[in-house]
Amino acid sequence: MDLKTSLVTQAYAKARPAVAAQPGGGADGFAKLAGNFMSALQEHESTARAAMTGGADPHALVQALASSQLAVETVATVRDRVVEAYQEILRMPV
């Protein structure tokens, strides 16, 4: 029994650094992600404005629209996962 406990302890010690908190994660990482999202949307909006006034080609407009759609879908998916995780935490017995 002692040998199994020792092996489990060694495996845990090896795995622990892999799940340790990464620097720049958490709130800082989320703030950076939100800032990148907002800057991307502003860039795409300016490209769309330029295309409407004749300052950009239609290909740039299509690319900006596709990229902004992907960004919005990604943010919606992340939001849904966060809400789902929060609801799962609320369902946990105390």
Foldseek 3Di string as FASTA:
>chain_A
DVVVVVVVVVVCVVCVVVPDDDPCDDPNVVVVLVVVLVVLLVVLVVQCVCVVVPNDDVVSNVVSVVVNVVSVVVVVVVVVVVVVVVVVVVPDDD
